[in-house]
Amino acid sequence: MNTMARRSAVGLSLICALVFCALAAQSASAAEGKNTTAFECVKGGGAKDFSDAHCDNNVGEGKGEYGHVVLPLNEKTSLKISNEKTKNETKEAASTVLKGTLFGIKSEIVCKTVSGTGSLTNEEPTSKVHRVKGTVEAKFSSCTAVKPALGCKVSEPITVSSNVEGVEGLGTGKNEMGLEFKPTGEHFASVTLTGCIIAGTFNTDGTAIATGTPSNTAKWSGATSVFTAAMTKETLKLAGSAAEVESTTTVTKASNGNPIALTTVT
């Protein structure tokens, strides 16, 4: 697959953030992916056109140390999910932050750790049709209820199971791609707070689409994904009320630790 054929890539790492982001009902304007392929970022692999291990920084064919290598067709690739090394030039872990309103009271939950497993498969049901599908289970822990700060405790881990697949036709130019998350059960997850005035269990529902870095219209992109409040505040729902989330995550190949990214191919 020619490197120059790629456009509008998205980091698969967005899978990790879905426990809170998966509520955003952005799927209505998306089309099922027909040109989406999953790659791993390999040192010395592919066109060697990236300078970093996450394949975020494209420096030109043959000028980098890393490259995209396509995952095998019709073969499940096991994944490892983490938020490690996703902040400050991949040196620190980025926390997931959920903000919303419960019973009229502003709430904010911060989870420092994201971990999980899953699998992903490249499919080609017909000639020149490329699809990516998979499943993921993510767990969020080391969580703190920052608001309200009157004794609220978060039950851990917050667990979410989801089916995922590539989607296309996003954005005003209809030229962006993403990864859509759909719950395997009735809800994506449940957040339980104890010991405070808003104690209770609050469901997260809906579907979500997330896009990758360095931008959702970049011709080349890597395996880092960033969820922003601006991206989710219009459609995110927690217990039926508007909410917003910030999170940065990565997904790696379980067998060797190589980061994985999605790319739209033309």
C-alpha atoms as a PDB file:
ATOM      1  CA  MET A   1       0.000   0.000   0.000  1.00  0.00           C
ATOM      2  CA  ASN A   2       1.590   3.262  -1.132  1.00  0.00           C
ATOM      3  CA  THR A   3       2.319   5.719   1.669  1.00  0.00           C
ATOM      4  CA  MET A   4       1.241   8.606  -0.545  1.00  0.00           C
ATOM      5  CA  ALA A   5      -2.220   7.026  -0.810  1.00  0.00           C
ATOM      6  CA  ARG A   6      -3.042   7.769   2.803  1.00  0.00           C
ATOM      7  CA  ARG A   7      -5.066  10.757   3.928  1.00  0.00           C
ATOM      8  CA  SER A   8      -7.018  11.966   6.949  1.00  0.00           C
ATOM      9  CA  ALA A   9      -5.623   9.449   9.467  1.00  0.00           C
ATOM     10  CA  VAL A  10      -6.788   8.895  13.008  1.00  0.00           C
ATOM     11  CA  GLY A  11      -5.036   7.365  16.004  1.00  0.00           C
ATOM     12  CA  LEU A  12      -6.613   4.162  17.185  1.00  0.00           C
ATOM     13  CA  SER A  13      -5.670   5.168  20.692  1.00  0.00           C
ATOM     14  CA  LEU A  14      -8.988   6.942  20.973  1.00  0.00           C
ATOM     15  CA  ILE A  15     -10.428   3.584  22.041  1.00  0.00           C
ATOM     16  CA  CYS A  16      -9.087   4.062  25.556  1.00  0.00           C
ATOM     17  CA  ALA A  17     -11.053   7.205  26.259  1.00  0.00           C
ATOM     18  CA  LEU A  18     -14.461   5.894  25.363  1.00  0.00           C
ATOM     19  CA  VAL A  19     -15.873   5.325  28.857  1.00  0.00           C
ATOM     20  CA  PHE A  20     -16.735   9.010  29.035  1.00  0.00           C
ATOM     21  CA  CYS A  21     -16.520  10.060  25.395  1.00  0.00           C
ATOM     22  CA  ALA A  22     -18.718   7.303  24.137  1.00  0.00           C
ATOM     23  CA  LEU A  23     -21.777   9.280  25.075  1.00  0.00           C
ATOM     24  CA  ALA A  24     -21.383  11.806  22.284  1.00  0.00           C
ATOM     25  CA  ALA A  25     -24.134  11.213  19.756  1.00  0.00           C
ATOM     26  CA  GLN A  26     -22.119  12.222  16.711  1.00  0.00           C
ATOM     27  CA  SER A  27     -22.828   9.165  14.603  1.00  0.00           C
ATOM     28  CA  ALA A  28     -25.781  10.549  12.648  1.00  0.00           C
ATOM     29  CA  SER A  29     -23.592  12.349  10.097  1.00  0.00           C
ATOM     30  CA  ALA A  30     -21.055   9.548   9.681  1.00  0.00           C
ATOM     31  CA  ALA A  31     -20.859   7.029   6.878  1.00  0.00           C
ATOM     32  CA  GLU A  32     -19.690   3.451   7.343  1.00  0.00           C
ATOM     33  CA  GLY A  33     -15.986   3.250   6.599  1.00  0.00           C
ATOM     34  CA  LYS A  34     -15.057   1.799   3.211  1.00  0.00           C
ATOM     35  CA  ASN A  35     -11.475   3.067   2.944  1.00  0.00           C
ATOM     36  CA  THR A  36     -10.137   2.527   6.459  1.00  0.00           C
ATOM     37  CA  THR A  37      -7.100   0.385   7.275  1.00  0.00           C
ATOM     38  CA  ALA A  38      -5.262  -0.252  10.564  1.00  0.00           C
ATOM     39  CA  PHE A  39      -1.474   0.039  10.762  1.00  0.00           C
ATOM     40  CA  GLU A  40       1.162  -0.424  13.435  1.00  0.00           C
ATOM     41  CA  CYS A  41       4.007   2.047  13.864  1.00  0.00           C
ATOM     42  CA  VAL A  42       7.214   0.023  13.426  1.00  0.00           C
ATOM     43  CA  LYS A  43      10.839   1.061  13.916  1.00  0.00           C
ATOM     44  CA  GLY A  44      12.556   0.597  10.562  1.00  0.00           C
ATOM     45  CA  GLY A  45       9.265  -0.405   8.931  1.00  0.00           C
ATOM     46  CA  GLY A  46       7.198   0.832   6.028  1.00  0.00           C
ATOM     47  CA  ALA A  47       8.425   3.953   4.261  1.00  0.00           C
ATOM     48  CA  LYS A  48      10.391   5.076   7.341  1.00  0.00           C
ATOM     49  CA  ASP A  49       8.721   8.457   7.106  1.00  0.00           C
ATOM     50  CA  PHE A  50       8.090   9.239  10.788  1.00  0.00           C
ATOM     51  CA  SER A  51      10.585  10.537  13.349  1.00  0.00           C
ATOM     52  CA  ASP A  52       8.722   9.328  16.460  1.00  0.00           C
ATOM     53  CA  ALA A  53       7.565   5.992  17.881  1.00  0.00           C
ATOM     54  CA  HIS A  54       3.876   7.013  17.713  1.00  0.00           C
ATOM     55  CA  CYS A  55       4.107   7.949  14.011  1.00  0.00           C
ATOM     56  CA  ASP A  56       2.810  11.470  14.676  1.00  0.00           C
ATOM     57  CA  ASN A  57       5.572  13.463  12.974  1.00  0.00           C
ATOM     58  CA  ASN A  58       5.943  12.780   9.252  1.00  0.00           C
ATOM     59  CA  VAL A  59       9.346  13.882   7.969  1.00  0.00           C
ATOM     60  CA  GLY A  60       9.227  12.422   4.463  1.00  0.00           C
ATOM     61  CA  GLU A  61       9.812   9.023   2.920  1.00  0.00           C
ATOM     62  CA  GLY A  62      13.136   7.474   3.963  1.00  0.00           C
ATOM     63  CA  LYS A  63      13.995  10.364   6.294  1.00  0.00           C
ATOM     64  CA  GLY A  64      12.548   8.930   9.498  1.00  0.00           C
ATOM     65  CA  GLU A  65      13.177   6.046  11.858  1.00  0.00           C
ATOM     66  CA  TYR A  66       9.617   4.651  11.989  1.00  0.00           C
ATOM     67  CA  GLY A  67       6.931   3.722   9.465  1.00  0.00           C
ATOM     68  CA  HIS A  68       3.392   2.368   9.069  1.00  0.00           C
ATOM     69  CA  VAL A  69       3.030  -1.388   8.499  1.00  0.00           C
ATOM     70  CA  VAL A  70      -0.456  -2.643   7.651  1.00  0.00           C
ATOM     71  CA  LEU A  71      -2.016  -5.209  10.000  1.00  0.00           C
ATOM     72  CA  PRO A  72      -2.870  -8.614   8.433  1.00  0.00           C
ATOM     73  CA  LEU A  73      -6.178  -8.906   6.586  1.00  0.00           C
ATOM     74  CA  ASN A  74      -9.001 -10.866   8.289  1.00  0.00           C
ATOM     75  CA  GLU A  75      -6.832 -11.594  11.326  1.00  0.00           C
ATOM     76  CA  LYS A  76      -7.572 -10.384  14.861  1.00  0.00           C
ATOM     77  CA  THR A  77      -4.797  -8.273  16.358  1.00  0.00           C
ATOM     78  CA  SER A  78      -4.786  -8.202  20.168  1.00  0.00           C
ATOM     79  CA  LEU A  79      -4.559  -4.739  21.731  1.00  0.00           C
ATOM     80  CA  LYS A  80      -3.318  -3.215  24.968  1.00  0.00           C
ATOM     81  CA  ILE A  81      -4.877   0.050  26.136  1.00  0.00           C
ATOM     82  CA  SER A  82      -3.159   2.694  28.262  1.00  0.00           C
ATOM     83  CA  ASN A  83      -2.881   6.420  28.910  1.00  0.00           C
ATOM     84  CA  GLU A  84       0.822   6.171  29.721  1.00  0.00           C
ATOM     85  CA  LYS A  85       3.203   8.565  27.948  1.00  0.00           C
ATOM     86  CA  THR A  86       0.445  10.612  26.336  1.00  0.00           C
ATOM     87  CA  LYS A  87       1.321  14.055  27.715  1.00  0.00           C
ATOM     88  CA  ASN A  88       4.215  16.488  27.319  1.00  0.00           C
ATOM     89  CA  GLU A  89       5.821  14.846  24.279  1.00  0.00           C
ATOM     90  CA  THR A  90       4.741  11.360  25.444  1.00  0.00           C
ATOM     91  CA  LYS A  91       6.651  11.566  28.725  1.00  0.00           C
ATOM     92  CA  GLU A  92       3.748  11.638  31.200  1.00  0.00           C
ATOM     93  CA  ALA A  93       0.317  10.084  31.575  1.00  0.00           C
ATOM     94  CA  ALA A  94      -2.686  12.278  30.759  1.00  0.00           C
ATOM     95  CA  SER A  95      -5.718  12.060  33.045  1.00  0.00           C
ATOM     96  CA  THR A  96      -9.299  11.683  31.824  1.00  0.00           C
ATOM     97  CA  VAL A  97     -11.599  14.481  33.023  1.00  0.00           C
ATOM     98  CA  LEU A  98     -15.406  14.255  32.940  1.00  0.00           C
ATOM     99  CA  LYS A  99     -17.508  17.350  33.667  1.00  0.00           C
ATOM    100  CA  GLY A 100     -21.282  17.456  33.937  1.00  0.00           C
ATOM    101  CA  THR A 101     -24.282  18.326  36.081  1.00  0.00           C
ATOM    102  CA  LEU A 102     -25.997  15.901  38.457  1.00  0.00           C
ATOM    103  CA  PHE A 103     -29.200  17.005  40.235  1.00  0.00           C
ATOM    104  CA  GLY A 104     -28.354  20.596  39.302  1.00  0.00           C
ATOM    105  CA  ILE A 105     -24.916  20.358  40.917  1.00  0.00           C
ATOM    106  CA  LYS A 106     -21.738  20.731  38.854  1.00  0.00           C
ATOM    107  CA  SER A 107     -19.592  17.607  38.948  1.00  0.00           C
ATOM    108  CA  GLU A 108     -16.068  16.818  37.827  1.00  0.00           C
ATOM    109  CA  ILE A 109     -14.388  13.407  37.913  1.00  0.00           C
ATOM    110  CA  VAL A 110     -10.682  12.897  37.214  1.00  0.00           C
ATOM    111  CA  CYS A 111      -9.272   9.416  36.518  1.00  0.00           C
ATOM    112  CA  LYS A 112      -5.491   9.117  36.409  1.00  0.00           C
ATOM    113  CA  THR A 113      -5.213   5.589  35.016  1.00  0.00           C
ATOM    114  CA  VAL A 114      -6.636   3.925  31.907  1.00  0.00           C
ATOM    115  CA  SER A 115      -6.010   0.273  31.068  1.00  0.00           C
ATOM    116  CA  GLY A 116      -7.661  -2.395  29.005  1.00  0.00           C
ATOM    117  CA  THR A 117      -7.601  -4.949  26.224  1.00  0.00           C
ATOM    118  CA  GLY A 118      -9.272  -5.548  22.901  1.00  0.00           C
ATOM    119  CA  SER A 119      -8.850  -6.722  19.340  1.00  0.00           C
ATOM    120  CA  LEU A 120      -8.976  -5.204  15.866  1.00  0.00           C
ATOM    121  CA  THR A 121      -9.404  -6.706  12.391  1.00  0.00           C
ATOM    122  CA  ASN A 122      -8.793  -5.302   8.915  1.00  0.00           C
ATOM    123  CA  GLU A 123     -11.578  -6.474   6.595  1.00  0.00           C
ATOM    124  CA  GLU A 124     -11.997  -6.381   2.820  1.00  0.00           C
ATOM    125  CA  PRO A 125     -15.532  -7.686   2.144  1.00  0.00           C
ATOM    126  CA  THR A 126     -15.329  -6.758  -1.543  1.00  0.00           C
ATOM    127  CA  SER A 127     -12.665  -5.458  -3.899  1.00  0.00           C
ATOM    128  CA  LYS A 128     -11.345  -2.013  -2.908  1.00  0.00           C
ATOM    129  CA  VAL A 129     -13.503  -1.878   0.243  1.00  0.00           C
ATOM    130  CA  HIS A 130     -11.375  -1.582   3.400  1.00  0.00           C
ATOM    131  CA  ARG A 131     -12.977  -1.704   6.845  1.00  0.00           C
ATOM    132  CA  VAL A 132     -11.771  -1.876  10.431  1.00  0.00           C
ATOM    133  CA  LYS A 133     -13.825  -3.504  13.187  1.00  0.00           C
ATOM    134  CA  GLY A 134     -13.116  -4.718  16.706  1.00  0.00           C
ATOM    135  CA  THR A 135     -14.053  -4.881  20.379  1.00  0.00           C
ATOM    136  CA  VAL A 136     -12.612  -3.163  23.441  1.00  0.00           C
ATOM    137  CA  GLU A 137     -12.878  -3.343  27.216  1.00  0.00           C
ATOM    138  CA  ALA A 138     -11.395  -0.350  29.052  1.00  0.00           C
ATOM    139  CA  LYS A 139     -11.064   0.265  32.788  1.00  0.00           C
ATOM    140  CA  PHE A 140     -10.649   3.673  34.462  1.00  0.00           C
ATOM    141  CA  SER A 141      -9.157   3.857  37.958  1.00  0.00           C
ATOM    142  CA  SER A 142      -7.436   6.191  40.452  1.00  0.00           C
ATOM    143  CA  CYS A 143     -10.529   8.366  40.108  1.00  0.00           C
ATOM    144  CA  THR A 144     -11.332  11.426  42.234  1.00  0.00           C
ATOM    145  CA  ALA A 145     -14.526  13.485  42.434  1.00  0.00           C
ATOM    146  CA  VAL A 146     -13.079  16.993  42.290  1.00  0.00           C
ATOM    147  CA  LYS A 147     -16.549  18.584  42.241  1.00  0.00           C
ATOM    148  CA  PRO A 148     -18.462  18.540  44.456  1.00  0.00           C
ATOM    149  CA  ALA A 149     -15.610  18.041  46.914  1.00  0.00           C
ATOM    150  CA  LEU A 150     -17.841  17.215  49.886  1.00  0.00           C
ATOM    151  CA  GLY A 151     -16.896  13.601  50.521  1.00  0.00           C
ATOM    152  CA  CYS A 152     -17.805  12.156  47.113  1.00  0.00           C
ATOM    153  CA  LYS A 153     -15.973   8.944  46.301  1.00  0.00           C
ATOM    154  CA  VAL A 154     -15.903   7.176  42.931  1.00  0.00           C
ATOM    155  CA  SER A 155     -16.424   3.412  42.828  1.00  0.00           C
ATOM    156  CA  GLU A 156     -13.667   1.739  40.786  1.00  0.00           C
ATOM    157  CA  PRO A 157     -12.911   0.595  38.258  1.00  0.00           C
ATOM    158  CA  ILE A 158     -15.275   2.237  35.809  1.00  0.00           C
ATOM    159  CA  THR A 159     -15.556  -0.412  33.094  1.00  0.00           C
ATOM    160  CA  VAL A 160     -16.851  -0.143  29.550  1.00  0.00           C
ATOM    161  CA  SER A 161     -17.232  -2.733  26.789  1.00  0.00           C
ATOM    162  CA  SER A 162     -17.716  -1.594  23.226  1.00  0.00           C
ATOM    163  CA  ASN A 163     -17.793  -2.592  19.580  1.00  0.00           C
ATOM    164  CA  VAL A 164     -15.741  -0.269  17.379  1.00  0.00           C
ATOM    165  CA  GLU A 165     -15.542   0.406  13.652  1.00  0.00           C
ATOM    166  CA  GLY A 166     -14.125   2.987  11.276  1.00  0.00           C
ATOM    167  CA  VAL A 167     -16.435   5.693   9.895  1.00  0.00           C
ATOM    168  CA  GLU A 168     -15.924   8.359   7.237  1.00  0.00           C
ATOM    169  CA  GLY A 169     -17.480  11.457   5.694  1.00  0.00           C
ATOM    170  CA  LEU A 170     -17.053  13.575   8.818  1.00  0.00           C
ATOM    171  CA  GLY A 171     -16.487  17.313   9.186  1.00  0.00           C
ATOM    172  CA  THR A 172     -17.706  20.246   7.134  1.00  0.00           C
ATOM    173  CA  GLY A 173     -15.707  19.040   4.145  1.00  0.00           C
ATOM    174  CA  LYS A 174     -16.941  15.449   4.556  1.00  0.00           C
ATOM    175  CA  ASN A 175     -13.286  14.388   4.280  1.00  0.00           C
ATOM    176  CA  GLU A 176     -12.470  13.349   7.843  1.00  0.00           C
ATOM    177  CA  MET A 177     -12.538   9.915   9.411  1.00  0.00           C
ATOM    178  CA  GLY A 178     -12.926   8.525  12.880  1.00  0.00           C
ATOM    179  CA  LEU A 179     -13.677   5.506  15.027  1.00  0.00           C
ATOM    180  CA  GLU A 180     -17.197   4.920  16.296  1.00  0.00           C
ATOM    181  CA  PHE A 181     -17.977   3.206  19.594  1.00  0.00           C
ATOM    182  CA  LYS A 182     -21.185   1.294  20.276  1.00  0.00           C
ATOM    183  CA  PRO A 183     -21.926  -0.418  23.618  1.00  0.00           C
ATOM    184  CA  THR A 184     -22.024  -4.195  23.727  1.00  0.00           C
ATOM    185  CA  GLY A 185     -24.641  -3.971  26.482  1.00  0.00           C
ATOM    186  CA  GLU A 186     -27.479  -1.636  27.435  1.00  0.00           C
ATOM    187  CA  HIS A 187     -25.115   1.114  28.608  1.00  0.00           C
ATOM    188  CA  PHE A 188     -21.529   2.000  27.917  1.00  0.00           C
ATOM    189  CA  ALA A 189     -20.781   2.263  31.611  1.00  0.00           C
ATOM    190  CA  SER A 190     -22.113   3.284  34.993  1.00  0.00           C
ATOM    191  CA  VAL A 191     -20.461   5.826  37.280  1.00  0.00           C
ATOM    192  CA  THR A 192     -21.199   5.332  40.985  1.00  0.00           C
ATOM    193  CA  LEU A 193     -20.630   8.084  43.575  1.00  0.00           C
ATOM    194  CA  THR A 194     -20.874   7.439  47.321  1.00  0.00           C
ATOM    195  CA  GLY A 195     -20.608   9.440  50.544  1.00  0.00           C
ATOM    196  CA  CYS A 196     -21.972  12.741  49.258  1.00  0.00           C
ATOM    197  CA  ILE A 197     -25.099  14.726  48.454  1.00  0.00           C
ATOM    198  CA  ILE A 198     -25.285  13.435  44.872  1.00  0.00           C
ATOM    199  CA  ALA A 199     -24.567   9.814  45.726  1.00  0.00           C
ATOM    200  CA  GLY A 200     -25.929   7.328  43.231  1.00  0.00           C
ATOM    201  CA  THR A 201     -25.269   5.414  40.039  1.00  0.00           C
ATOM    202  CA  PHE A 202     -25.346   7.354  36.772  1.00  0.00           C
ATOM    203  CA  ASN A 203     -25.479   5.670  33.377  1.00  0.00           C
ATOM    204  CA  THR A 204     -23.597   6.782  30.287  1.00  0.00           C
ATOM    205  CA  ASP A 205     -25.401   6.153  27.010  1.00  0.00           C
ATOM    206  CA  GLY A 206     -25.219   6.756  23.272  1.00  0.00           C
ATOM    207  CA  THR A 207     -22.526   6.351  20.641  1.00  0.00           C
ATOM    208  CA  ALA A 208     -19.396   8.349  19.895  1.00  0.00           C
ATOM    209  CA  ILE A 209     -16.923   9.198  17.180  1.00  0.00           C
ATOM    210  CA  ALA A 210     -13.417  10.394  17.963  1.00  0.00           C
ATOM    211  CA  THR A 211     -10.651  11.600  15.669  1.00  0.00           C
ATOM    212  CA  GLY A 212      -6.874  11.609  15.957  1.00  0.00           C
ATOM    213  CA  THR A 213      -3.752  13.761  15.957  1.00  0.00           C
ATOM    214  CA  PRO A 214      -1.979  15.879  14.852  1.00  0.00           C
ATOM    215  CA  SER A 215      -5.324  16.939  13.312  1.00  0.00           C
ATOM    216  CA  ASN A 216      -8.432  15.214  12.022  1.00  0.00           C
ATOM    217  CA  THR A 217      -7.675  16.381   8.472  1.00  0.00           C
ATOM    218  CA  ALA A 218      -3.954  15.557   8.447  1.00  0.00           C
ATOM    219  CA  LYS A 219      -2.712  13.515   5.493  1.00  0.00           C
ATOM    220  CA  TRP A 220      -0.517  11.522   7.887  1.00  0.00           C
ATOM    221  CA  SER A 221      -1.282  10.880  11.519  1.00  0.00           C
ATOM    222  CA  GLY A 222      -0.222   8.676  14.362  1.00  0.00           C
ATOM    223  CA  ALA A 223      -1.424   6.653  17.305  1.00  0.00           C
ATOM    224  CA  THR A 224      -2.223   9.480  19.729  1.00  0.00           C
ATOM    225  CA  SER A 225      -5.782  10.722  20.215  1.00  0.00           C
ATOM    226  CA  VAL A 226      -7.022  13.729  22.133  1.00  0.00           C
ATOM    227  CA  PHE A 227     -10.603  14.246  23.304  1.00  0.00           C
ATOM    228  CA  THR A 228     -11.410  17.883  24.085  1.00  0.00           C
ATOM    229  CA  ALA A 229     -14.263  19.595  25.920  1.00  0.00           C
ATOM    230  CA  ALA A 230     -15.025  21.618  22.794  1.00  0.00           C
ATOM    231  CA  MET A 231     -15.403  18.406  20.814  1.00  0.00           C
ATOM    232  CA  THR A 232     -17.874  16.764  23.182  1.00  0.00           C
ATOM    233  CA  LYS A 233     -19.807  19.448  25.058  1.00  0.00           C
ATOM    234  CA  GLU A 234     -22.625  19.720  22.520  1.00  0.00           C
ATOM    235  CA  THR A 235     -23.479  16.009  22.408  1.00  0.00           C
ATOM    236  CA  LEU A 236     -22.009  14.306  25.485  1.00  0.00           C
ATOM    237  CA  LYS A 237     -24.593  12.957  27.930  1.00  0.00           C
ATOM    238  CA  LEU A 238     -24.179  11.857  31.535  1.00  0.00           C
ATOM    239  CA  ALA A 239     -27.393  10.764  33.274  1.00  0.00           C
ATOM    240  CA  GLY A 240     -29.310  12.487  30.491  1.00  0.00           C
ATOM    241  CA  SER A 241     -27.636  15.883  30.942  1.00  0.00           C
ATOM    242  CA  ALA A 242     -24.994  17.641  28.873  1.00  0.00           C
ATOM    243  CA  ALA A 243     -21.386  16.876  29.764  1.00  0.00           C
ATOM    244  CA  GLU A 244     -17.865  17.263  28.393  1.00  0.00           C
ATOM    245  CA  VAL A 245     -14.637  15.294  28.518  1.00  0.00           C
ATOM    246  CA  GLU A 246     -10.901  15.721  28.049  1.00  0.00           C
ATOM    247  CA  SER A 247      -8.669  12.683  27.536  1.00  0.00           C
ATOM    248  CA  THR A 248      -5.533  11.555  25.703  1.00  0.00           C
ATOM    249  CA  THR A 249      -4.732   7.880  25.130  1.00  0.00           C
ATOM    250  CA  THR A 250      -2.879   5.329  23.006  1.00  0.00           C
ATOM    251  CA  VAL A 251      -3.450   1.728  21.923  1.00  0.00           C
ATOM    252  CA  THR A 252      -0.598  -0.668  21.226  1.00  0.00           C
ATOM    253  CA  LYS A 253      -0.197  -4.110  19.719  1.00  0.00           C
ATOM    254  CA  ALA A 254      -0.228  -6.550  22.645  1.00  0.00           C
ATOM    255  CA  SER A 255       2.507  -8.793  21.225  1.00  0.00           C
ATOM    256  CA  ASN A 256       5.205  -6.149  20.748  1.00  0.00           C
ATOM    257  CA  GLY A 257       4.038  -2.814  22.164  1.00  0.00           C
ATOM    258  CA  ASN A 258       3.964  -0.995  18.816  1.00  0.00           C
ATOM    259  CA  PRO A 259       1.391   1.827  18.688  1.00  0.00           C
ATOM    260  CA  ILE A 260      -1.528   1.348  16.278  1.00  0.00           C
ATOM    261  CA  ALA A 261      -3.142   3.965  14.019  1.00  0.00           C
ATOM    262  CA  LEU A 262      -5.952   4.064  11.476  1.00  0.00           C
ATOM    263  CA  THR A 263      -5.582   5.576   8.021  1.00  0.00           C
ATOM    264  CA  THR A 264      -8.070   6.360   5.284  1.00  0.00           C
ATOM    265  CA  VAL A 265      -6.776   5.049   1.961  1.00  0.00           C
ATOM    266  CA  THR A 266      -7.730   6.392  -1.465  1.00  0.00           C
END
